[in-house]
Amino acid sequence: MLSNSTAAGQTADIAISGVNMVFSVKGVIDAQDKYRFTTEKKTYRITVGQLMRTVTDEPFTLNISIQ
């Protein structure tokens, strides 16, 4: 688990690639494949999962940019 806090007023861009994959940011957004938001001074929890449950694991790439 990677933990790092953001400063207030930064721009966070999050995107996931892969078949059937989504992410959620606790308290911000649920089940998205890309999302941009303005941060608060805090640590965010990002959860990755499959949109439709399958028998096998699916590879994915999660890109996070904070400026």
Protein backbone atom coordinates (compact mmCIF):
# COMPACT_ATOMS: atom_id res chain seq x y z
CA MET A 1 0.00 0.00 0.00
CA LEU A 2 1.32 3.39 -1.02
CA SER A 3 0.40 6.32 1.18
CA ASN A 4 1.06 9.97 0.45
CA SER A 5 -0.94 13.10 1.24
CA THR A 6 -1.97 15.75 -1.28
CA ALA A 7 -2.00 19.50 -0.73
CA ALA A 8 -5.18 21.58 -1.00
CA GLY A 9 -5.94 22.86 -4.48
CA GLN A 10 -3.90 20.36 -6.49
CA THR A 11 -5.38 18.66 -9.56
CA ALA A 12 -5.53 14.86 -9.47
CA ASP A 13 -5.96 12.92 -12.71
CA ILE A 14 -6.62 9.19 -12.34
CA ALA A 15 -7.15 6.73 -15.20
CA ILE A 16 -7.27 2.95 -15.40
CA SER A 17 -6.74 0.83 -18.50
CA GLY A 18 -7.65 -2.80 -18.90
CA VAL A 19 -10.72 -4.80 -19.80
CA ASN A 20 -13.61 -4.53 -17.34
CA MET A 21 -11.62 -2.49 -14.76
CA VAL A 22 -12.79 0.49 -12.67
CA PHE A 23 -11.55 2.44 -9.66
CA SER A 24 -13.19 4.29 -6.79
CA VAL A 25 -11.81 7.12 -4.65
CA LYS A 26 -13.33 6.84 -1.19
CA GLY A 27 -15.54 9.84 -0.47
CA VAL A 28 -15.07 11.30 -3.98
CA ILE A 29 -16.24 9.03 -6.85
CA ASP A 30 -17.31 5.44 -7.47
CA ALA A 31 -16.71 2.98 -10.37
CA GLN A 32 -14.96 5.17 -12.97
CA ASP A 33 -12.33 4.54 -15.64
CA LYS A 34 -10.99 8.13 -15.54
CA TYR A 35 -11.63 11.11 -13.31
CA ARG A 36 -10.15 14.55 -12.50
CA PHE A 37 -10.73 16.44 -9.26
CA THR A 38 -9.30 19.18 -7.06
CA THR A 39 -7.67 17.77 -3.94
CA GLU A 40 -7.90 18.66 -0.29
CA LYS A 41 -4.97 18.37 2.11
CA LYS A 42 -5.41 14.68 2.94
CA THR A 43 -4.64 11.11 1.95
CA TYR A 44 -7.05 9.46 -0.51
CA ARG A 45 -7.83 5.72 -0.72
CA ILE A 46 -8.16 4.35 -4.26
CA THR A 47 -9.80 0.94 -4.74
CA VAL A 48 -9.49 -1.00 -8.01
CA GLY A 49 -11.90 -3.73 -9.09
CA GLN A 50 -13.78 -5.35 -11.94
CA LEU A 51 -16.99 -3.72 -13.16
CA MET A 52 -18.55 -7.11 -13.91
CA ARG A 53 -17.17 -9.96 -11.82
CA THR A 54 -15.28 -12.65 -13.75
CA VAL A 55 -13.64 -15.96 -12.87
CA THR A 56 -10.12 -14.81 -13.77
CA ASP A 57 -8.05 -11.83 -12.73
CA GLU A 58 -7.66 -9.08 -15.34
CA PRO A 59 -4.42 -7.14 -15.87
CA PHE A 60 -4.66 -3.36 -15.53
CA THR A 61 -2.61 -0.17 -15.38
CA LEU A 62 -3.53 2.64 -12.98
CA ASN A 63 -2.14 6.08 -13.83
CA ILE A 64 -2.17 8.83 -11.20
CA SER A 65 -0.98 12.38 -11.80
CA ILE A 66 -1.09 15.10 -9.15
CA GLN A 67 -0.07 18.62 -10.05
